[in-house]
Amino acid sequence: MSSSNENPGLISGHAQYVKGAAVSAVGSVTGSDSWQQSGEQQKEQGVQEMKAAGEARDPQSQGFGKVEELAGKAAGCEGMEKEGAQSKQD
């Protein structure tokens, strides 16, 4: 595990989740249980990373406001939508 200022990161967590969703979808289409399981594991890793990153940040100083809220709505990510709404308040 690296020790950077963005450890864990919201962006990398979202990327991991999206990658897992794609792998899982391929598994569903092809009927491959191993791909489906791998995709679900990647999605769960992404969720855990996003949760950890969300807990570690201050939405008032590190949020992206309306942009984050709209991106969360578009992606169907309730957490991102909520954090965006919190960071635009004040």
PDB file of N, CA and C in Angstrom:
ATOM      1  N   MET A   1       0.842  -1.185   0.000  1.00  0.00           N
ATOM      2  CA  MET A   1       0.000   0.000   0.000  1.00  0.00           C
ATOM      3  C   MET A   1       0.879   1.237   0.000  1.00  0.00           C
ATOM      4  N   SER A   2       0.558   2.182  -0.856  1.00  0.00           N
ATOM      5  CA  SER A   2       1.378   3.385  -0.946  1.00  0.00           C
ATOM      6  C   SER A   2       0.965   4.391   0.112  1.00  0.00           C
ATOM      7  N   SER A   3       1.860   5.288   0.417  1.00  0.00           N
ATOM      8  CA  SER A   3       1.557   6.318   1.409  1.00  0.00           C
ATOM      9  C   SER A   3       1.560   7.676   0.728  1.00  0.00           C
ATOM     10  N   SER A   4       0.439   7.990   0.095  1.00  0.00           N
ATOM     11  CA  SER A   4       0.329   9.282  -0.567  1.00  0.00           C
ATOM     12  C   SER A   4      -0.691  10.127   0.166  1.00  0.00           C
ATOM     13  N   ASN A   5      -0.787  11.382  -0.221  1.00  0.00           N
ATOM     14  CA  ASN A   5      -1.742  12.287   0.403  1.00  0.00           C
ATOM     15  C   ASN A   5      -3.182  11.922   0.059  1.00  0.00           C
ATOM     16  N   GLU A   6      -3.398  11.165  -0.986  1.00  0.00           N
ATOM     17  CA  GLU A   6      -4.733  10.794  -1.413  1.00  0.00           C
ATOM     18  C   GLU A   6      -4.986   9.324  -1.141  1.00  0.00           C
ATOM     19  N   ASN A   7      -4.586   8.830  -0.018  1.00  0.00           N
ATOM     20  CA  ASN A   7      -4.743   7.431   0.333  1.00  0.00           C
ATOM     21  C   ASN A   7      -5.762   7.321   1.440  1.00  0.00           C
ATOM     22  N   PRO A   8      -6.876   6.729   1.286  1.00  0.00           N
ATOM     23  CA  PRO A   8      -7.468   6.224   0.049  1.00  0.00           C
ATOM     24  C   PRO A   8      -8.120   7.343  -0.744  1.00  0.00           C
ATOM     25  N   GLY A   9      -8.409   7.105  -1.992  1.00  0.00           N
ATOM     26  CA  GLY A   9      -8.938   8.174  -2.828  1.00  0.00           C
ATOM     27  C   GLY A   9     -10.343   7.908  -3.333  1.00  0.00           C
ATOM     28  N   LEU A  10     -11.135   8.943  -3.365  1.00  0.00           N
ATOM     29  CA  LEU A  10     -12.489   8.831  -3.903  1.00  0.00           C
ATOM     30  C   LEU A  10     -12.461   8.485  -5.387  1.00  0.00           C
ATOM     31  N   ILE A  11     -11.579   9.127  -6.115  1.00  0.00           N
ATOM     32  CA  ILE A  11     -11.533   8.893  -7.560  1.00  0.00           C
ATOM     33  C   ILE A  11     -11.098   7.469  -7.867  1.00  0.00           C
ATOM     34  N   SER A  12     -10.058   7.002  -7.196  1.00  0.00           N
ATOM     35  CA  SER A  12      -9.616   5.633  -7.469  1.00  0.00           C
ATOM     36  C   SER A  12     -10.655   4.621  -6.991  1.00  0.00           C
ATOM     37  N   GLY A  13     -11.372   4.939  -5.925  1.00  0.00           N
ATOM     38  CA  GLY A  13     -12.449   4.058  -5.464  1.00  0.00           C
ATOM     39  C   GLY A  13     -13.570   3.973  -6.486  1.00  0.00           C
ATOM     40  N   HIS A  14     -13.944   5.120  -7.054  1.00  0.00           N
ATOM     41  CA  HIS A  14     -14.976   5.117  -8.092  1.00  0.00           C
ATOM     42  C   HIS A  14     -14.502   4.347  -9.320  1.00  0.00           C
ATOM     43  N   ALA A  15     -13.240   4.542  -9.686  1.00  0.00           N
ATOM     44  CA  ALA A  15     -12.694   3.836 -10.850  1.00  0.00           C
ATOM     45  C   ALA A  15     -12.714   2.327 -10.610  1.00  0.00           C
ATOM     46  N   GLN A  16     -12.358   1.904  -9.407  1.00  0.00           N
ATOM     47  CA  GLN A  16     -12.370   0.480  -9.060  1.00  0.00           C
ATOM     48  C   GLN A  16     -13.796  -0.070  -9.146  1.00  0.00           C
ATOM     49  N   TYR A  17     -14.757   0.701  -8.662  1.00  0.00           N
ATOM     50  CA  TYR A  17     -16.155   0.276  -8.697  1.00  0.00           C
ATOM     51  C   TYR A  17     -16.638   0.128 -10.137  1.00  0.00           C
ATOM     52  N   VAL A  18     -16.347   1.125 -10.977  1.00  0.00           N
ATOM     53  CA  VAL A  18     -16.772   1.089 -12.382  1.00  0.00           C
ATOM     54  C   VAL A  18     -16.131  -0.093 -13.099  1.00  0.00           C
ATOM     55  N   LYS A  19     -14.857  -0.329 -12.837  1.00  0.00           N
ATOM     56  CA  LYS A  19     -14.165  -1.463 -13.440  1.00  0.00           C
ATOM     57  C   LYS A  19     -14.840  -2.771 -13.025  1.00  0.00           C
ATOM     58  N   GLY A  20     -15.155  -2.876 -11.737  1.00  0.00           N
ATOM     59  CA  GLY A  20     -15.831  -4.080 -11.250  1.00  0.00           C
ATOM     60  C   GLY A  20     -17.197  -4.269 -11.872  1.00  0.00           C
ATOM     61  N   ALA A  21     -17.934  -3.174 -12.039  1.00  0.00           N
ATOM     62  CA  ALA A  21     -19.253  -3.259 -12.662  1.00  0.00           C
ATOM     63  C   ALA A  21     -19.135  -3.752 -14.105  1.00  0.00           C
ATOM     64  N   ALA A  22     -18.113  -3.284 -14.815  1.00  0.00           N
ATOM     65  CA  ALA A  22     -17.905  -3.715 -16.207  1.00  0.00           C
ATOM     66  C   ALA A  22     -17.546  -5.197 -16.267  1.00  0.00           C
ATOM     67  N   VAL A  23     -16.650  -5.631 -15.393  1.00  0.00           N
ATOM     68  CA  VAL A  23     -16.236  -7.043 -15.364  1.00  0.00           C
ATOM     69  C   VAL A  23     -17.434  -7.929 -15.024  1.00  0.00           C
ATOM     70  N   SER A  24     -18.220  -7.495 -14.049  1.00  0.00           N
ATOM     71  CA  SER A  24     -19.404  -8.252 -13.655  1.00  0.00           C
ATOM     72  C   SER A  24     -20.411  -8.338 -14.797  1.00  0.00           C
ATOM     73  N   ALA A  25     -20.583  -7.232 -15.525  1.00  0.00           N
ATOM     74  CA  ALA A  25     -21.508  -7.227 -16.659  1.00  0.00           C
ATOM     75  C   ALA A  25     -21.047  -8.186 -17.754  1.00  0.00           C
ATOM     76  N   VAL A  26     -19.750  -8.190 -18.025  1.00  0.00           N
ATOM     77  CA  VAL A  26     -19.213  -9.131 -19.023  1.00  0.00           C
ATOM     78  C   VAL A  26     -19.481 -10.560 -18.556  1.00  0.00           C
ATOM     79  N   GLY A  27     -19.275 -10.810 -17.276  1.00  0.00           N
ATOM     80  CA  GLY A  27     -19.547 -12.138 -16.740  1.00  0.00           C
ATOM     81  C   GLY A  27     -20.999 -12.533 -16.875  1.00  0.00           C
ATOM     82  N   SER A  28     -21.896 -11.583 -16.670  1.00  0.00           N
ATOM     83  CA  SER A  28     -23.328 -11.857 -16.815  1.00  0.00           C
ATOM     84  C   SER A  28     -23.686 -12.190 -18.261  1.00  0.00           C
ATOM     85  N   VAL A  29     -23.135 -11.397 -19.179  1.00  0.00           N
ATOM     86  CA  VAL A  29     -23.436 -11.596 -20.594  1.00  0.00           C
ATOM     87  C   VAL A  29     -22.878 -12.925 -21.101  1.00  0.00           C
ATOM     88  N   THR A  30     -21.674 -13.259 -20.663  1.00  0.00           N
ATOM     89  CA  THR A  30     -21.030 -14.481 -21.149  1.00  0.00           C
ATOM     90  C   THR A  30     -21.376 -15.714 -20.325  1.00  0.00           C
ATOM     91  N   GLY A  31     -22.013 -15.504 -19.173  1.00  0.00           N
ATOM     92  CA  GLY A  31     -22.346 -16.629 -18.303  1.00  0.00           C
ATOM     93  C   GLY A  31     -21.164 -17.128 -17.493  1.00  0.00           C
ATOM     94  N   SER A  32     -20.141 -16.291 -17.336  1.00  0.00           N
ATOM     95  CA  SER A  32     -18.947 -16.675 -16.599  1.00  0.00           C
ATOM     96  C   SER A  32     -19.082 -16.303 -15.122  1.00  0.00           C
ATOM     97  N   ASP A  33     -19.243 -17.321 -14.282  1.00  0.00           N
ATOM     98  CA  ASP A  33     -19.358 -17.070 -12.842  1.00  0.00           C
ATOM     99  C   ASP A  33     -18.093 -16.446 -12.273  1.00  0.00           C
ATOM    100  N   SER A  34     -16.929 -16.868 -12.762  1.00  0.00           N
ATOM    101  CA  SER A  34     -15.681 -16.316 -12.221  1.00  0.00           C
ATOM    102  C   SER A  34     -15.554 -14.827 -12.530  1.00  0.00           C
ATOM    103  N   TRP A  35     -15.972 -14.408 -13.712  1.00  0.00           N
ATOM    104  CA  TRP A  35     -15.932 -12.983 -14.052  1.00  0.00           C
ATOM    105  C   TRP A  35     -16.931 -12.213 -13.202  1.00  0.00           C
ATOM    106  N   GLN A  36     -18.115 -12.769 -13.011  1.00  0.00           N
ATOM    107  CA  GLN A  36     -19.115 -12.107 -12.178  1.00  0.00           C
ATOM    108  C   GLN A  36     -18.601 -11.934 -10.752  1.00  0.00           C
ATOM    109  N   GLN A  37     -18.028 -12.989 -10.198  1.00  0.00           N
ATOM    110  CA  GLN A  37     -17.499 -12.920  -8.830  1.00  0.00           C
ATOM    111  C   GLN A  37     -16.356 -11.931  -8.731  1.00  0.00           C
ATOM    112  N   SER A  38     -15.472 -11.957  -9.700  1.00  0.00           N
ATOM    113  CA  SER A  38     -14.347 -11.024  -9.707  1.00  0.00           C
ATOM    114  C   SER A  38     -14.852  -9.586  -9.770  1.00  0.00           C
ATOM    115  N   GLY A  39     -15.831  -9.348 -10.617  1.00  0.00           N
ATOM    116  CA  GLY A  39     -16.403  -8.006 -10.734  1.00  0.00           C
ATOM    117  C   GLY A  39     -17.047  -7.552  -9.438  1.00  0.00           C
ATOM    118  N   GLU A  40     -17.780  -8.439  -8.782  1.00  0.00           N
ATOM    119  CA  GLU A  40     -18.420  -8.083  -7.518  1.00  0.00           C
ATOM    120  C   GLU A  40     -17.377  -7.787  -6.437  1.00  0.00           C
ATOM    121  N   GLN A  41     -16.281  -8.533  -6.430  1.00  0.00           N
ATOM    122  CA  GLN A  41     -15.202  -8.273  -5.475  1.00  0.00           C
ATOM    123  C   GLN A  41     -14.566  -6.908  -5.737  1.00  0.00           C
ATOM    124  N   GLN A  42     -14.340  -6.590  -7.000  1.00  0.00           N
ATOM    125  CA  GLN A  42     -13.760  -5.290  -7.343  1.00  0.00           C
ATOM    126  C   GLN A  42     -14.700  -4.154  -6.959  1.00  0.00           C
ATOM    127  N   LYS A  43     -15.996  -4.353  -7.175  1.00  0.00           N
ATOM    128  CA  LYS A  43     -16.971  -3.336  -6.784  1.00  0.00           C
ATOM    129  C   LYS A  43     -16.940  -3.123  -5.273  1.00  0.00           C
ATOM    130  N   GLU A  44     -16.889  -4.200  -4.518  1.00  0.00           N
ATOM    131  CA  GLU A  44     -16.859  -4.085  -3.057  1.00  0.00           C
ATOM    132  C   GLU A  44     -15.577  -3.376  -2.592  1.00  0.00           C
ATOM    133  N   GLN A  45     -14.438  -3.684  -3.216  1.00  0.00           N
ATOM    134  CA  GLN A  45     -13.192  -2.988  -2.881  1.00  0.00           C
ATOM    135  C   GLN A  45     -13.328  -1.494  -3.160  1.00  0.00           C
ATOM    136  N   GLY A  46     -13.959  -1.160  -4.272  1.00  0.00           N
ATOM    137  CA  GLY A  46     -14.179   0.246  -4.612  1.00  0.00           C
ATOM    138  C   GLY A  46     -15.064   0.936  -3.588  1.00  0.00           C
ATOM    139  N   VAL A  47     -16.123   0.257  -3.160  1.00  0.00           N
ATOM    140  CA  VAL A  47     -17.033   0.825  -2.159  1.00  0.00           C
ATOM    141  C   VAL A  47     -16.286   1.066  -0.846  1.00  0.00           C
ATOM    142  N   GLN A  48     -15.492   0.095  -0.432  1.00  0.00           N
ATOM    143  CA  GLN A  48     -14.743   0.240   0.817  1.00  0.00           C
ATOM    144  C   GLN A  48     -13.752   1.400   0.737  1.00  0.00           C
ATOM    145  N   GLU A  49     -13.090   1.536  -0.404  1.00  0.00           N
ATOM    146  CA  GLU A  49     -12.131   2.636  -0.580  1.00  0.00           C
ATOM    147  C   GLU A  49     -12.846   3.984  -0.564  1.00  0.00           C
ATOM    148  N   MET A  50     -14.015   4.053  -1.215  1.00  0.00           N
ATOM    149  CA  MET A  50     -14.777   5.300  -1.227  1.00  0.00           C
ATOM    150  C   MET A  50     -15.264   5.664   0.175  1.00  0.00           C
ATOM    151  N   LYS A  51     -15.719   4.651   0.926  1.00  0.00           N
ATOM    152  CA  LYS A  51     -16.176   4.909   2.297  1.00  0.00           C
ATOM    153  C   LYS A  51     -15.035   5.451   3.151  1.00  0.00           C
ATOM    154  N   ALA A  52     -13.882   4.821   3.050  1.00  0.00           N
ATOM    155  CA  ALA A  52     -12.728   5.263   3.833  1.00  0.00           C
ATOM    156  C   ALA A  52     -12.310   6.680   3.450  1.00  0.00           C
ATOM    157  N   ALA A  53     -12.326   6.971   2.169  1.00  0.00           N
ATOM    158  CA  ALA A  53     -11.950   8.306   1.712  1.00  0.00           C
ATOM    159  C   ALA A  53     -12.976   9.340   2.151  1.00  0.00           C
ATOM    160  N   GLY A  54     -14.235   8.983   2.095  1.00  0.00           N
ATOM    161  CA  GLY A  54     -15.287   9.894   2.523  1.00  0.00           C
ATOM    162  C   GLY A  54     -15.211  10.218   4.001  1.00  0.00           C
ATOM    163  N   GLU A  55     -14.868   9.221   4.801  1.00  0.00           N
ATOM    164  CA  GLU A  55     -14.737   9.435   6.237  1.00  0.00           C
ATOM    165  C   GLU A  55     -13.529  10.298   6.576  1.00  0.00           C
ATOM    166  N   ALA A  56     -12.518  10.246   5.734  1.00  0.00           N
ATOM    167  CA  ALA A  56     -11.270  10.946   6.010  1.00  0.00           C
ATOM    168  C   ALA A  56     -11.259  12.387   5.503  1.00  0.00           C
ATOM    169  N   ARG A  57     -12.287  12.796   4.801  1.00  0.00           N
ATOM    170  CA  ARG A  57     -12.250  14.147   4.243  1.00  0.00           C
ATOM    171  C   ARG A  57     -13.279  15.060   4.905  1.00  0.00           C
ATOM    172  N   ASP A  58     -12.995  16.330   4.831  1.00  0.00           N
ATOM    173  CA  ASP A  58     -13.888  17.360   5.340  1.00  0.00           C
ATOM    174  C   ASP A  58     -14.650  17.934   4.142  1.00  0.00           C
ATOM    175  N   PRO A  59     -15.962  17.668   4.046  1.00  0.00           N
ATOM    176  CA  PRO A  59     -16.701  18.118   2.866  1.00  0.00           C
ATOM    177  C   PRO A  59     -16.696  19.633   2.692  1.00  0.00           C
ATOM    178  N   GLN A  60     -16.519  20.380   3.760  1.00  0.00           N
ATOM    179  CA  GLN A  60     -16.515  21.838   3.647  1.00  0.00           C
ATOM    180  C   GLN A  60     -15.255  22.363   2.964  1.00  0.00           C
ATOM    181  N   SER A  61     -14.144  21.662   3.161  1.00  0.00           N
ATOM    182  CA  SER A  61     -12.898  22.156   2.568  1.00  0.00           C
ATOM    183  C   SER A  61     -12.408  21.294   1.402  1.00  0.00           C
ATOM    184  N   GLN A  62     -12.929  20.084   1.260  1.00  0.00           N
ATOM    185  CA  GLN A  62     -12.424  19.188   0.229  1.00  0.00           C
ATOM    186  C   GLN A  62     -13.494  18.706  -0.738  1.00  0.00           C
ATOM    187  N   GLY A  63     -14.679  19.247  -0.646  1.00  0.00           N
ATOM    188  CA  GLY A  63     -15.753  18.818  -1.536  1.00  0.00           C
ATOM    189  C   GLY A  63     -15.749  19.575  -2.849  1.00  0.00           C
ATOM    190  N   PHE A  64     -16.526  19.086  -3.790  1.00  0.00           N
ATOM    191  CA  PHE A  64     -16.623  19.719  -5.095  1.00  0.00           C
ATOM    192  C   PHE A  64     -18.014  20.286  -5.348  1.00  0.00           C
ATOM    193  N   GLY A  65     -18.846  20.352  -4.302  1.00  0.00           N
ATOM    194  CA  GLY A  65     -20.139  21.004  -4.376  1.00  0.00           C
ATOM    195  C   GLY A  65     -21.083  20.456  -5.410  1.00  0.00           C
ATOM    196  N   LYS A  66     -21.676  21.364  -6.152  1.00  0.00           N
ATOM    197  CA  LYS A  66     -22.716  21.031  -7.129  1.00  0.00           C
ATOM    198  C   LYS A  66     -22.211  20.050  -8.180  1.00  0.00           C
ATOM    199  N   VAL A  67     -20.970  20.193  -8.613  1.00  0.00           N
ATOM    200  CA  VAL A  67     -20.405  19.283  -9.620  1.00  0.00           C
ATOM    201  C   VAL A  67     -20.414  17.859  -9.086  1.00  0.00           C
ATOM    202  N   GLU A  68     -19.969  17.683  -7.844  1.00  0.00           N
ATOM    203  CA  GLU A  68     -19.935  16.355  -7.242  1.00  0.00           C
ATOM    204  C   GLU A  68     -21.355  15.807  -7.062  1.00  0.00           C
ATOM    205  N   GLU A  69     -22.266  16.666  -6.651  1.00  0.00           N
ATOM    206  CA  GLU A  69     -23.650  16.243  -6.465  1.00  0.00           C
ATOM    207  C   GLU A  69     -24.252  15.761  -7.790  1.00  0.00           C
ATOM    208  N   LEU A  70     -24.056  16.524  -8.858  1.00  0.00           N
ATOM    209  CA  LEU A  70     -24.596  16.143 -10.167  1.00  0.00           C
ATOM    210  C   LEU A  70     -23.931  14.883 -10.720  1.00  0.00           C
ATOM    211  N   ALA A  71     -22.630  14.751 -10.506  1.00  0.00           N
ATOM    212  CA  ALA A  71     -21.929  13.541 -10.953  1.00  0.00           C
ATOM    213  C   ALA A  71     -22.457  12.325 -10.202  1.00  0.00           C
ATOM    214  N   GLY A  72     -22.739  12.499  -8.910  1.00  0.00           N
ATOM    215  CA  GLY A  72     -23.309  11.413  -8.128  1.00  0.00           C
ATOM    216  C   GLY A  72     -24.678  11.006  -8.633  1.00  0.00           C
ATOM    217  N   LYS A  73     -25.497  11.993  -8.982  1.00  0.00           N
ATOM    218  CA  LYS A  73     -26.822  11.690  -9.541  1.00  0.00           C
ATOM    219  C   LYS A  73     -26.685  10.942 -10.859  1.00  0.00           C
ATOM    220  N   ALA A  74     -25.792  11.423 -11.714  1.00  0.00           N
ATOM    221  CA  ALA A  74     -25.605  10.805 -13.030  1.00  0.00           C
ATOM    222  C   ALA A  74     -25.083   9.375 -12.918  1.00  0.00           C
ATOM    223  N   ALA A  75     -24.208   9.147 -11.946  1.00  0.00           N
ATOM    224  CA  ALA A  75     -23.605   7.822 -11.784  1.00  0.00           C
ATOM    225  C   ALA A  75     -24.441   6.905 -10.910  1.00  0.00           C
ATOM    226  N   GLY A  76     -25.472   7.459 -10.288  1.00  0.00           N
ATOM    227  CA  GLY A  76     -26.285   6.648  -9.385  1.00  0.00           C
ATOM    228  C   GLY A  76     -25.576   6.343  -8.079  1.00  0.00           C
ATOM    229  N   CYS A  77     -24.680   7.234  -7.679  1.00  0.00           N
ATOM    230  CA  CYS A  77     -23.894   7.052  -6.454  1.00  0.00           C
ATOM    231  C   CYS A  77     -24.454   7.974  -5.377  1.00  0.00           C
ATOM    232  N   GLU A  78     -25.246   7.397  -4.474  1.00  0.00           N
ATOM    233  CA  GLU A  78     -25.890   8.200  -3.443  1.00  0.00           C
ATOM    234  C   GLU A  78     -24.878   8.887  -2.524  1.00  0.00           C
ATOM    235  N   GLY A  79     -23.793   8.205  -2.211  1.00  0.00           N
ATOM    236  CA  GLY A  79     -22.773   8.784  -1.335  1.00  0.00           C
ATOM    237  C   GLY A  79     -22.140  10.017  -1.945  1.00  0.00           C
ATOM    238  N   MET A  80     -21.808   9.934  -3.214  1.00  0.00           N
ATOM    239  CA  MET A  80     -21.194  11.062  -3.911  1.00  0.00           C
ATOM    240  C   MET A  80     -22.177  12.225  -3.998  1.00  0.00           C
ATOM    241  N   GLU A  81     -23.427  11.901  -4.273  1.00  0.00           N
ATOM    242  CA  GLU A  81     -24.465  12.925  -4.355  1.00  0.00           C
ATOM    243  C   GLU A  81     -24.622  13.628  -3.001  1.00  0.00           C
ATOM    244  N   LYS A  82     -24.648  12.849  -1.931  1.00  0.00           N
ATOM    245  CA  LYS A  82     -24.802  13.390  -0.574  1.00  0.00           C
ATOM    246  C   LYS A  82     -23.605  14.268  -0.183  1.00  0.00           C
ATOM    247  N   GLU A  83     -22.394  13.784  -0.469  1.00  0.00           N
ATOM    248  CA  GLU A  83     -21.199  14.556  -0.122  1.00  0.00           C
ATOM    249  C   GLU A  83     -21.121  15.849  -0.929  1.00  0.00           C
ATOM    250  N   GLY A  84     -21.564  15.805  -2.175  1.00  0.00           N
ATOM    251  CA  GLY A  84     -21.595  17.024  -2.983  1.00  0.00           C
ATOM    252  C   GLY A  84     -22.569  18.033  -2.409  1.00  0.00           C
ATOM    253  N   ALA A  85     -23.734  17.554  -1.973  1.00  0.00           N
ATOM    254  CA  ALA A  85     -24.729  18.437  -1.378  1.00  0.00           C
ATOM    255  C   ALA A  85     -24.192  19.050  -0.082  1.00  0.00           C
ATOM    256  N   GLN A  86     -23.486  18.258   0.712  1.00  0.00           N
ATOM    257  CA  GLN A  86     -22.910  18.760   1.962  1.00  0.00           C
ATOM    258  C   GLN A  86     -21.841  19.818   1.700  1.00  0.00           C
ATOM    259  N   SER A  87     -21.036  19.609   0.684  1.00  0.00           N
ATOM    260  CA  SER A  87     -19.933  20.534   0.443  1.00  0.00           C
ATOM    261  C   SER A  87     -20.395  21.835  -0.208  1.00  0.00           C
ATOM    262  N   LYS A  88     -21.594  21.859  -0.789  1.00  0.00           N
ATOM    263  CA  LYS A  88     -22.050  23.107  -1.400  1.00  0.00           C
ATOM    264  C   LYS A  88     -22.813  23.965  -0.393  1.00  0.00           C
ATOM    265  N   GLN A  89     -23.155  23.424   0.759  1.00  0.00           N
ATOM    266  CA  GLN A  89     -23.845  24.193   1.781  1.00  0.00           C
ATOM    267  C   GLN A  89     -22.879  25.152   2.455  1.00  0.00           C
ATOM    268  N   ASP A  90     -23.424  26.244   2.937  1.00  0.00           N
ATOM    269  CA  ASP A  90     -22.674  27.248   3.698  1.00  0.00           C
ATOM    270  C   ASP A  90     -22.646  28.564   3.035  1.00  0.00           C
TER     271      ASP A  90
END
